[in-house]
PDB file of N, CA and C in Angstrom:
ATOM      1  N   MET A   1      66.182  92.258  82.641  1.00  0.00           N
ATOM      2  CA  MET A   1      66.805  91.262  83.477  1.00  0.00           C
ATOM      3  C   MET A   1      68.244  91.706  83.763  1.00  0.00           C
ATOM      4  N   SER A   2      68.629  91.677  85.012  1.00  0.00           N
ATOM      5  CA  SER A   2      69.984  92.096  85.368  1.00  0.00           C
ATOM      6  C   SER A   2      70.934  90.901  85.380  1.00  0.00           C
ATOM      7  N   LYS A   3      72.149  91.185  85.020  1.00  0.00           N
ATOM      8  CA  LYS A   3      73.165  90.130  85.043  1.00  0.00           C
ATOM      9  C   LYS A   3      73.772  90.055  86.435  1.00  0.00           C
ATOM     10  N   LEU A   4      73.939  88.850  86.911  1.00  0.00           N
ATOM     11  CA  LEU A   4      74.633  88.668  88.174  1.00  0.00           C
ATOM     12  C   LEU A   4      76.125  88.608  87.891  1.00  0.00           C
ATOM     13  N   ARG A   5      76.857  89.373  88.627  1.00  0.00           N
ATOM     14  CA  ARG A   5      78.312  89.363  88.453  1.00  0.00           C
ATOM     15  C   ARG A   5      78.904  88.324  89.403  1.00  0.00           C
ATOM     16  N   THR A   6      79.595  87.372  88.835  1.00  0.00           N
ATOM     17  CA  THR A   6      80.221  86.363  89.680  1.00  0.00           C
ATOM     18  C   THR A   6      81.669  86.759  89.929  1.00  0.00           C
ATOM     19  N   GLN A   7      82.084  86.554  91.147  1.00  0.00           N
ATOM     20  CA  GLN A   7      83.448  86.887  91.521  1.00  0.00           C
ATOM     21  C   GLN A   7      84.321  85.647  91.375  1.00  0.00           C
ATOM     22  N   ARG A   8      85.426  85.805  90.712  1.00  0.00           N
ATOM     23  CA  ARG A   8      86.331  84.676  90.505  1.00  0.00           C
ATOM     24  C   ARG A   8      87.087  84.380  91.796  1.00  0.00           C
ATOM     25  N   THR A   9      87.238  83.094  92.074  1.00  0.00           N
ATOM     26  CA  THR A   9      87.932  82.664  93.285  1.00  0.00           C
ATOM     27  C   THR A   9      88.853  81.488  92.978  1.00  0.00           C
ATOM     28  N   ILE A  10      89.762  81.224  93.905  1.00  0.00           N
ATOM     29  CA  ILE A  10      90.634  80.055  93.791  1.00  0.00           C
ATOM     30  C   ILE A  10      90.637  79.313  95.127  1.00  0.00           C
ATOM     31  N   PRO A  11      90.896  78.009  95.097  1.00  0.00           N
ATOM     32  CA  PRO A  11      90.977  77.256  96.350  1.00  0.00           C
ATOM     33  C   PRO A  11      92.162  77.747  97.193  1.00  0.00           C
ATOM     34  N   VAL A  12      91.924  77.907  98.470  1.00  0.00           N
ATOM     35  CA  VAL A  12      92.949  78.426  99.375  1.00  0.00           C
ATOM     36  C   VAL A  12      94.138  77.473  99.504  1.00  0.00           C
ATOM     37  N   ARG A  13      93.933  76.211  99.225  1.00  0.00           N
ATOM     38  CA  ARG A  13      95.038  75.247  99.376  1.00  0.00           C
ATOM     39  C   ARG A  13      96.218  75.573  98.464  1.00  0.00           C
ATOM     40  N   PHE A  14      95.968  76.301  97.365  1.00  0.00           N
ATOM     41  CA  PHE A  14      97.063  76.681  96.477  1.00  0.00           C
ATOM     42  C   PHE A  14      98.010  77.692  97.138  1.00  0.00           C
ATOM     43  N   LEU A  15      97.506  78.427  98.107  1.00  0.00           N
ATOM     44  CA  LEU A  15      98.333  79.433  98.772  1.00  0.00           C
ATOM     45  C   LEU A  15      98.983  78.912 100.045  1.00  0.00           C
ATOM     46  N   ARG A  16      98.536  77.781 100.516  1.00  0.00           N
ATOM     47  CA  ARG A  16      99.042  77.245 101.784  1.00  0.00           C
ATOM     48  C   ARG A  16     100.551  76.995 101.735  1.00  0.00           C
ATOM     49  N   ALA A  17     101.049  76.422 100.654  1.00  0.00           N
ATOM     50  CA  ALA A  17     102.489  76.152 100.545  1.00  0.00           C
ATOM     51  C   ALA A  17     103.282  77.454 100.564  1.00  0.00           C
ATOM     52  N   ALA A  18     102.777  78.453  99.889  1.00  0.00           N
ATOM     53  CA  ALA A  18     103.481  79.733  99.850  1.00  0.00           C
ATOM     54  C   ALA A  18     103.506  80.401 101.220  1.00  0.00           C
ATOM     55  N   THR A  19     102.412  80.336 101.946  1.00  0.00           N
ATOM     56  CA  THR A  19     102.387  80.970 103.265  1.00  0.00           C
ATOM     57  C   THR A  19     103.252  80.218 104.265  1.00  0.00           C
ATOM     58  N   SER A  20     103.507  78.947 104.018  1.00  0.00           N
ATOM     59  CA  SER A  20     104.381  78.203 104.934  1.00  0.00           C
ATOM     60  C   SER A  20     105.795  78.779 104.910  1.00  0.00           C
ATOM     61  N   THR A  21     106.196  79.364 103.788  1.00  0.00           N
ATOM     62  CA  THR A  21     107.505  80.013 103.697  1.00  0.00           C
ATOM     63  C   THR A  21     107.587  81.184 104.662  1.00  0.00           C
ATOM     64  N   ALA A  22     106.525  81.964 104.728  1.00  0.00           N
ATOM     65  CA  ALA A  22     106.499  83.095 105.658  1.00  0.00           C
ATOM     66  C   ALA A  22     106.625  82.599 107.095  1.00  0.00           C
ATOM     67  N   THR A  23     105.941  81.517 107.404  1.00  0.00           N
ATOM     68  CA  THR A  23     106.004  80.946 108.746  1.00  0.00           C
ATOM     69  C   THR A  23     107.427  80.488 109.068  1.00  0.00           C
ATOM     70  N   LEU A  24     108.082  79.851 108.104  1.00  0.00           N
ATOM     71  CA  LEU A  24     109.462  79.397 108.310  1.00  0.00           C
ATOM     72  C   LEU A  24     110.417  80.558 108.569  1.00  0.00           C
ATOM     73  N   ARG A  25     110.068  81.725 108.074  1.00  0.00           N
ATOM     74  CA  ARG A  25     110.905  82.911 108.281  1.00  0.00           C
ATOM     75  C   ARG A  25     110.545  83.649 109.569  1.00  0.00           C
ATOM     76  N   GLY A  26     109.687  83.034 110.381  1.00  0.00           N
ATOM     77  CA  GLY A  26     109.357  83.614 111.680  1.00  0.00           C
ATOM     78  C   GLY A  26     108.227  84.624 111.666  1.00  0.00           C
ATOM     79  N   VAL A  27     107.504  84.716 110.567  1.00  0.00           N
ATOM     80  CA  VAL A  27     106.396  85.658 110.475  1.00  0.00           C
ATOM     81  C   VAL A  27     105.195  85.104 111.237  1.00  0.00           C
ATOM     82  N   ASP A  28     104.575  85.941 112.046  1.00  0.00           N
ATOM     83  CA  ASP A  28     103.340  85.560 112.728  1.00  0.00           C
ATOM     84  C   ASP A  28     102.237  85.607 111.674  1.00  0.00           C
ATOM     85  N   LEU A  29     101.869  84.447 111.165  1.00  0.00           N
ATOM     86  CA  LEU A  29     100.941  84.350 110.040  1.00  0.00           C
ATOM     87  C   LEU A  29      99.599  85.005 110.344  1.00  0.00           C
ATOM     88  N   ALA A  30      99.072  84.789 111.536  1.00  0.00           N
ATOM     89  CA  ALA A  30      97.773  85.362 111.900  1.00  0.00           C
ATOM     90  C   ALA A  30      97.830  86.888 111.867  1.00  0.00           C
ATOM     91  N   GLU A  31      98.867  87.450 112.456  1.00  0.00           N
ATOM     92  CA  GLU A  31      99.005  88.909 112.490  1.00  0.00           C
ATOM     93  C   GLU A  31      99.216  89.472 111.087  1.00  0.00           C
ATOM     94  N   TRP A  32     100.062  88.806 110.314  1.00  0.00           N
ATOM     95  CA  TRP A  32     100.377  89.268 108.964  1.00  0.00           C
ATOM     96  C   TRP A  32      99.147  89.238 108.061  1.00  0.00           C
ATOM     97  N   MET A  33      98.391  88.130 108.109  1.00  0.00           N
ATOM     98  CA  MET A  33      97.195  88.023 107.264  1.00  0.00           C
ATOM     99  C   MET A  33      96.114  88.983 107.726  1.00  0.00           C
ATOM    100  N   ASP A  34      96.049  89.211 109.029  1.00  0.00           N
ATOM    101  CA  ASP A  34      95.101  90.184 109.559  1.00  0.00           C
ATOM    102  C   ASP A  34      95.427  91.568 108.994  1.00  0.00           C
ATOM    103  N   HIS A  35      96.718  91.879 108.909  1.00  0.00           N
ATOM    104  CA  HIS A  35      97.186  93.141 108.321  1.00  0.00           C
ATOM    105  C   HIS A  35      96.725  93.261 106.860  1.00  0.00           C
ATOM    106  N   LEU A  36      96.633  92.125 106.162  1.00  0.00           N
ATOM    107  CA  LEU A  36      96.194  92.113 104.762  1.00  0.00           C
ATOM    108  C   LEU A  36      94.673  92.044 104.623  1.00  0.00           C
ATOM    109  N   ASP A  37      93.968  92.080 105.751  1.00  0.00           N
ATOM    110  CA  ASP A  37      92.501  91.957 105.778  1.00  0.00           C
ATOM    111  C   ASP A  37      92.024  90.621 105.220  1.00  0.00           C
ATOM    112  N   ILE A  38      92.778  89.562 105.517  1.00  0.00           N
ATOM    113  CA  ILE A  38      92.396  88.204 105.130  1.00  0.00           C
ATOM    114  C   ILE A  38      92.335  87.381 106.406  1.00  0.00           C
ATOM    115  N   ASP A  39      91.232  86.720 106.630  1.00  0.00           N
ATOM    116  CA  ASP A  39      91.064  85.902 107.832  1.00  0.00           C
ATOM    117  C   ASP A  39      92.022  84.714 107.773  1.00  0.00           C
ATOM    118  N   PRO A  40      92.979  84.613 108.719  1.00  0.00           N
ATOM    119  CA  PRO A  40      93.945  83.509 108.687  1.00  0.00           C
ATOM    120  C   PRO A  40      93.292  82.134 108.819  1.00  0.00           C
ATOM    121  N   ALA A  41      92.121  82.067 109.408  1.00  0.00           N
ATOM    122  CA  ALA A  41      91.423  80.780 109.560  1.00  0.00           C
ATOM    123  C   ALA A  41      91.061  80.184 108.201  1.00  0.00           C
ATOM    124  N   LEU A  42      90.984  81.017 107.176  1.00  0.00           N
ATOM    125  CA  LEU A  42      90.644  80.536 105.835  1.00  0.00           C
ATOM    126  C   LEU A  42      91.662  79.527 105.309  1.00  0.00           C
ATOM    127  N   LEU A  43      92.914  79.664 105.736  1.00  0.00           N
ATOM    128  CA  LEU A  43      93.972  78.779 105.238  1.00  0.00           C
ATOM    129  C   LEU A  43      93.808  77.333 105.676  1.00  0.00           C
ATOM    130  N   PHE A  44      93.044  77.116 106.723  1.00  0.00           N
ATOM    131  CA  PHE A  44      92.978  75.776 107.310  1.00  0.00           C
ATOM    132  C   PHE A  44      91.722  74.999 106.936  1.00  0.00           C
ATOM    133  N   ASP A  45      90.935  75.554 106.036  1.00  0.00           N
ATOM    134  CA  ASP A  45      89.717  74.877 105.591  1.00  0.00           C
ATOM    135  C   ASP A  45      89.830  74.638 104.085  1.00  0.00           C
ATOM    136  N   ASP A  46      89.985  73.377 103.702  1.00  0.00           N
ATOM    137  CA  ASP A  46      90.173  73.045 102.282  1.00  0.00           C
ATOM    138  C   ASP A  46      88.990  73.433 101.403  1.00  0.00           C
ATOM    139  N   ARG A  47      87.841  73.660 101.996  1.00  0.00           N
ATOM    140  CA  ARG A  47      86.663  74.039 101.201  1.00  0.00           C
ATOM    141  C   ARG A  47      86.649  75.524 100.872  1.00  0.00           C
ATOM    142  N   THR A  48      87.516  76.278 101.524  1.00  0.00           N
ATOM    143  CA  THR A  48      87.519  77.726 101.371  1.00  0.00           C
ATOM    144  C   THR A  48      88.102  78.148 100.032  1.00  0.00           C
ATOM    145  N   ARG A  49      87.527  79.199  99.492  1.00  0.00           N
ATOM    146  CA  ARG A  49      88.036  79.819  98.275  1.00  0.00           C
ATOM    147  C   ARG A  49      88.247  81.291  98.596  1.00  0.00           C
ATOM    148  N   ILE A  50      89.283  81.884  98.005  1.00  0.00           N
ATOM    149  CA  ILE A  50      89.508  83.308  98.204  1.00  0.00           C
ATOM    150  C   ILE A  50      89.466  84.003  96.848  1.00  0.00           C
ATOM    151  N   THR A  51      89.205  85.296  96.901  1.00  0.00           N
ATOM    152  CA  THR A  51      89.080  86.053  95.655  1.00  0.00           C
ATOM    153  C   THR A  51      90.451  86.214  95.000  1.00  0.00           C
ATOM    154  N   LEU A  52      90.429  86.494  93.718  1.00  0.00           N
ATOM    155  CA  LEU A  52      91.684  86.733  93.000  1.00  0.00           C
ATOM    156  C   LEU A  52      92.407  87.951  93.565  1.00  0.00           C
ATOM    157  N   ASP A  53      91.641  88.954  93.989  1.00  0.00           N
ATOM    158  CA  ASP A  53      92.259  90.140  94.592  1.00  0.00           C
ATOM    159  C   ASP A  53      92.997  89.781  95.878  1.00  0.00           C
ATOM    160  N   GLN A  54      92.369  88.947  96.714  1.00  0.00           N
ATOM    161  CA  GLN A  54      93.019  88.524  97.953  1.00  0.00           C
ATOM    162  C   GLN A  54      94.279  87.716  97.653  1.00  0.00           C
ATOM    163  N   ALA A  55      94.190  86.808  96.703  1.00  0.00           N
ATOM    164  CA  ALA A  55      95.340  85.968  96.349  1.00  0.00           C
ATOM    165  C   ALA A  55      96.480  86.823  95.802  1.00  0.00           C
ATOM    166  N   THR A  56      96.158  87.776  94.948  1.00  0.00           N
ATOM    167  CA  THR A  56      97.168  88.666  94.375  1.00  0.00           C
ATOM    168  C   THR A  56      97.860  89.465  95.466  1.00  0.00           C
ATOM    169  N   LYS A  57      97.066  90.033  96.354  1.00  0.00           N
ATOM    170  CA  LYS A  57      97.606  90.825  97.460  1.00  0.00           C
ATOM    171  C   LYS A  57      98.540  89.978  98.322  1.00  0.00           C
ATOM    172  N   LEU A  58      98.104  88.775  98.637  1.00  0.00           N
ATOM    173  CA  LEU A  58      98.884  87.881  99.486  1.00  0.00           C
ATOM    174  C   LEU A  58     100.205  87.497  98.821  1.00  0.00           C
ATOM    175  N   VAL A  59     100.158  87.119  97.560  1.00  0.00           N
ATOM    176  CA  VAL A  59     101.372  86.702  96.852  1.00  0.00           C
ATOM    177  C   VAL A  59     102.338  87.875  96.689  1.00  0.00           C
ATOM    178  N   GLN A  60     101.830  89.038  96.337  1.00  0.00           N
ATOM    179  CA  GLN A  60     102.709  90.197  96.172  1.00  0.00           C
ATOM    180  C   GLN A  60     103.373  90.585  97.489  1.00  0.00           C
ATOM    181  N   GLU A  61     102.633  90.479  98.584  1.00  0.00           N
ATOM    182  CA  GLU A  61     103.219  90.763  99.897  1.00  0.00           C
ATOM    183  C   GLU A  61     104.254  89.707 100.271  1.00  0.00           C
ATOM    184  N   LEU A  62     104.010  88.460  99.890  1.00  0.00           N
ATOM    185  CA  LEU A  62     105.003  87.406 100.133  1.00  0.00           C
ATOM    186  C   LEU A  62     106.283  87.682  99.357  1.00  0.00           C
ATOM    187  N   TRP A  63     106.145  88.164  98.124  1.00  0.00           N
ATOM    188  CA  TRP A  63     107.324  88.519  97.329  1.00  0.00           C
ATOM    189  C   TRP A  63     108.152  89.572  98.060  1.00  0.00           C
ATOM    190  N   LYS A  64     107.469  90.609  98.580  1.00  0.00           N
ATOM    191  CA  LYS A  64     108.171  91.674  99.306  1.00  0.00           C
ATOM    192  C   LYS A  64     108.826  91.127 100.573  1.00  0.00           C
ATOM    193  N   LEU A  65     108.078  90.323 101.289  1.00  0.00           N
ATOM    194  CA  LEU A  65     108.543  89.787 102.568  1.00  0.00           C
ATOM    195  C   LEU A  65     109.760  88.882 102.412  1.00  0.00           C
ATOM    196  N   THR A  66     109.730  88.025 101.388  1.00  0.00           N
ATOM    197  CA  THR A  66     110.790  87.028 101.225  1.00  0.00           C
ATOM    198  C   THR A  66     111.887  87.460 100.257  1.00  0.00           C
ATOM    199  N   GLY A  67     111.586  88.439  99.383  1.00  0.00           N
ATOM    200  CA  GLY A  67     112.545  88.805  98.344  1.00  0.00           C
ATOM    201  C   GLY A  67     112.726  87.686  97.332  1.00  0.00           C
ATOM    202  N   ASP A  68     111.730  86.801  97.263  1.00  0.00           N
ATOM    203  CA  ASP A  68     111.813  85.606  96.416  1.00  0.00           C
ATOM    204  C   ASP A  68     110.474  85.407  95.715  1.00  0.00           C
ATOM    205  N   GLU A  69     110.462  85.554  94.402  1.00  0.00           N
ATOM    206  CA  GLU A  69     109.208  85.389  93.666  1.00  0.00           C
ATOM    207  C   GLU A  69     108.732  83.943  93.625  1.00  0.00           C
ATOM    208  N   MET A  70     109.577  83.013  94.011  1.00  0.00           N
ATOM    209  CA  MET A  70     109.152  81.610  94.113  1.00  0.00           C
ATOM    210  C   MET A  70     108.710  81.290  95.543  1.00  0.00           C
ATOM    211  N   VAL A  71     108.757  82.285  96.419  1.00  0.00           N
ATOM    212  CA  VAL A  71     108.388  82.183  97.841  1.00  0.00           C
ATOM    213  C   VAL A  71     108.836  80.871  98.489  1.00  0.00           C
ATOM    214  N   GLY A  72     110.074  80.512  98.221  1.00  0.00           N
ATOM    215  CA  GLY A  72     110.647  79.329  98.850  1.00  0.00           C
ATOM    216  C   GLY A  72     110.311  78.014  98.186  1.00  0.00           C
ATOM    217  N   LEU A  73     109.592  78.048  97.085  1.00  0.00           N
ATOM    218  CA  LEU A  73     109.181  76.814  96.421  1.00  0.00           C
ATOM    219  C   LEU A  73     110.178  76.347  95.364  1.00  0.00           C
ATOM    220  N   GLY A  74     111.144  77.181  95.040  1.00  0.00           N
ATOM    221  CA  GLY A  74     112.148  76.807  94.047  1.00  0.00           C
ATOM    222  C   GLY A  74     113.425  76.306  94.702  1.00  0.00           C
ATOM    223  N   VAL A  75     114.347  75.874  93.879  1.00  0.00           N
ATOM    224  CA  VAL A  75     115.633  75.377  94.364  1.00  0.00           C
ATOM    225  C   VAL A  75     116.427  76.507  95.016  1.00  0.00           C
ATOM    226  N   GLN A  76     116.331  77.691  94.419  1.00  0.00           N
ATOM    227  CA  GLN A  76     116.995  78.864  94.980  1.00  0.00           C
ATOM    228  C   GLN A  76     116.064  80.056  94.810  1.00  0.00           C
ATOM    229  N   PRO A  77     116.280  81.127  95.577  1.00  0.00           N
ATOM    230  CA  PRO A  77     115.399  82.294  95.462  1.00  0.00           C
ATOM    231  C   PRO A  77     115.433  82.906  94.061  1.00  0.00           C
ATOM    232  N   ALA A  78     114.282  83.354  93.612  1.00  0.00           N
ATOM    233  CA  ALA A  78     114.169  84.061  92.332  1.00  0.00           C
ATOM    234  C   ALA A  78     113.985  85.541  92.645  1.00  0.00           C
ATOM    235  N   PRO A  79     114.925  86.391  92.228  1.00  0.00           N
ATOM    236  CA  PRO A  79     114.823  87.811  92.544  1.00  0.00           C
ATOM    237  C   PRO A  79     113.566  88.436  91.944  1.00  0.00           C
ATOM    238  N   ARG A  80     113.132  89.535  92.566  1.00  0.00           N
ATOM    239  CA  ARG A  80     111.948  90.229  92.058  1.00  0.00           C
ATOM    240  C   ARG A  80     112.193  90.664  90.624  1.00  0.00           C
ATOM    241  N   GLY A  81     111.179  90.476  89.794  1.00  0.00           N
ATOM    242  CA  GLY A  81     111.270  90.791  88.372  1.00  0.00           C
ATOM    243  C   GLY A  81     111.410  89.550  87.508  1.00  0.00           C
ATOM    244  N   THR A  82     111.743  88.427  88.126  1.00  0.00           N
ATOM    245  CA  THR A  82     111.911  87.173  87.388  1.00  0.00           C
ATOM    246  C   THR A  82     110.607  86.743  86.726  1.00  0.00           C
ATOM    247  N   PHE A  83     109.514  86.787  87.473  1.00  0.00           N
ATOM    248  CA  PHE A  83     108.215  86.372  86.949  1.00  0.00           C
ATOM    249  C   PHE A  83     107.824  87.230  85.747  1.00  0.00           C
ATOM    250  N   ARG A  84     108.052  88.530  85.852  1.00  0.00           N
ATOM    251  CA  ARG A  84     107.732  89.442  84.747  1.00  0.00           C
ATOM    252  C   ARG A  84     108.532  89.077  83.502  1.00  0.00           C
ATOM    253  N   MET A  85     109.817  88.808  83.680  1.00  0.00           N
ATOM    254  CA  MET A  85     110.666  88.464  82.537  1.00  0.00           C
ATOM    255  C   MET A  85     110.223  87.150  81.884  1.00  0.00           C
ATOM    256  N   ILE A  86     109.836  86.189  82.688  1.00  0.00           N
ATOM    257  CA  ILE A  86     109.344  84.918  82.139  1.00  0.00           C
ATOM    258  C   ILE A  86     108.072  85.157  81.332  1.00  0.00           C
ATOM    259  N   CYS A  87     107.171  85.973  81.875  1.00  0.00           N
ATOM    260  CA  CYS A  87     105.917  86.271  81.163  1.00  0.00           C
ATOM    261  C   CYS A  87     106.196  86.965  79.838  1.00  0.00           C
ATOM    262  N   LEU A  88     107.100  87.933  79.843  1.00  0.00           N
ATOM    263  CA  LEU A  88     107.439  88.637  78.600  1.00  0.00           C
ATOM    264  C   LEU A  88     108.052  87.689  77.576  1.00  0.00           C
ATOM    265  N   ALA A  89     108.884  86.775  78.033  1.00  0.00           N
ATOM    266  CA  ALA A  89     109.506  85.810  77.119  1.00  0.00           C
ATOM    267  C   ALA A  89     108.460  84.877  76.514  1.00  0.00           C
ATOM    268  N   VAL A  90     107.516  84.438  77.329  1.00  0.00           N
ATOM    269  CA  VAL A  90     106.478  83.518  76.847  1.00  0.00           C
ATOM    270  C   VAL A  90     105.547  84.222  75.861  1.00  0.00           C
ATOM    271  N   ILE A  91     105.184  85.444  76.171  1.00  0.00           N
ATOM    272  CA  ILE A  91     104.269  86.196  75.305  1.00  0.00           C
ATOM    273  C   ILE A  91     104.887  86.431  73.931  1.00  0.00           C
ATOM    274  N   SER A  92     106.192  86.686  73.895  1.00  0.00           N
ATOM    275  CA  SER A  92     106.830  87.014  72.618  1.00  0.00           C
ATOM    276  C   SER A  92     107.362  85.795  71.864  1.00  0.00           C
ATOM    277  N   SER A  93     107.211  84.614  72.434  1.00  0.00           N
ATOM    278  CA  SER A  93     107.705  83.424  71.723  1.00  0.00           C
ATOM    279  C   SER A  93     106.682  82.954  70.687  1.00  0.00           C
ATOM    280  N   PRO A  94     107.159  82.358  69.594  1.00  0.00           N
ATOM    281  CA  PRO A  94     106.229  81.931  68.531  1.00  0.00           C
ATOM    282  C   PRO A  94     105.378  80.742  68.932  1.00  0.00           C
TER     283      PRO A  94
END
């Protein structure tokens, strides 16, 4: 009997707020997402789920585009490397 491999996904609505930052910065969202090989129409359907690979790619590109690891969701921009430092601090805490 073969095992079916299930692909992990997340609801697209979690990325909608982050992509709105790109739009506010004048980025053509359709063109940009097309460049990432992600169908921009996916963002507008709450039933849609995207793969973890797609989400990772999108978020990392947003970090590069905005220079802000909080992608506009924080009070002020968080420079690149902030997320890594937080993760290292959490991992090493008792």
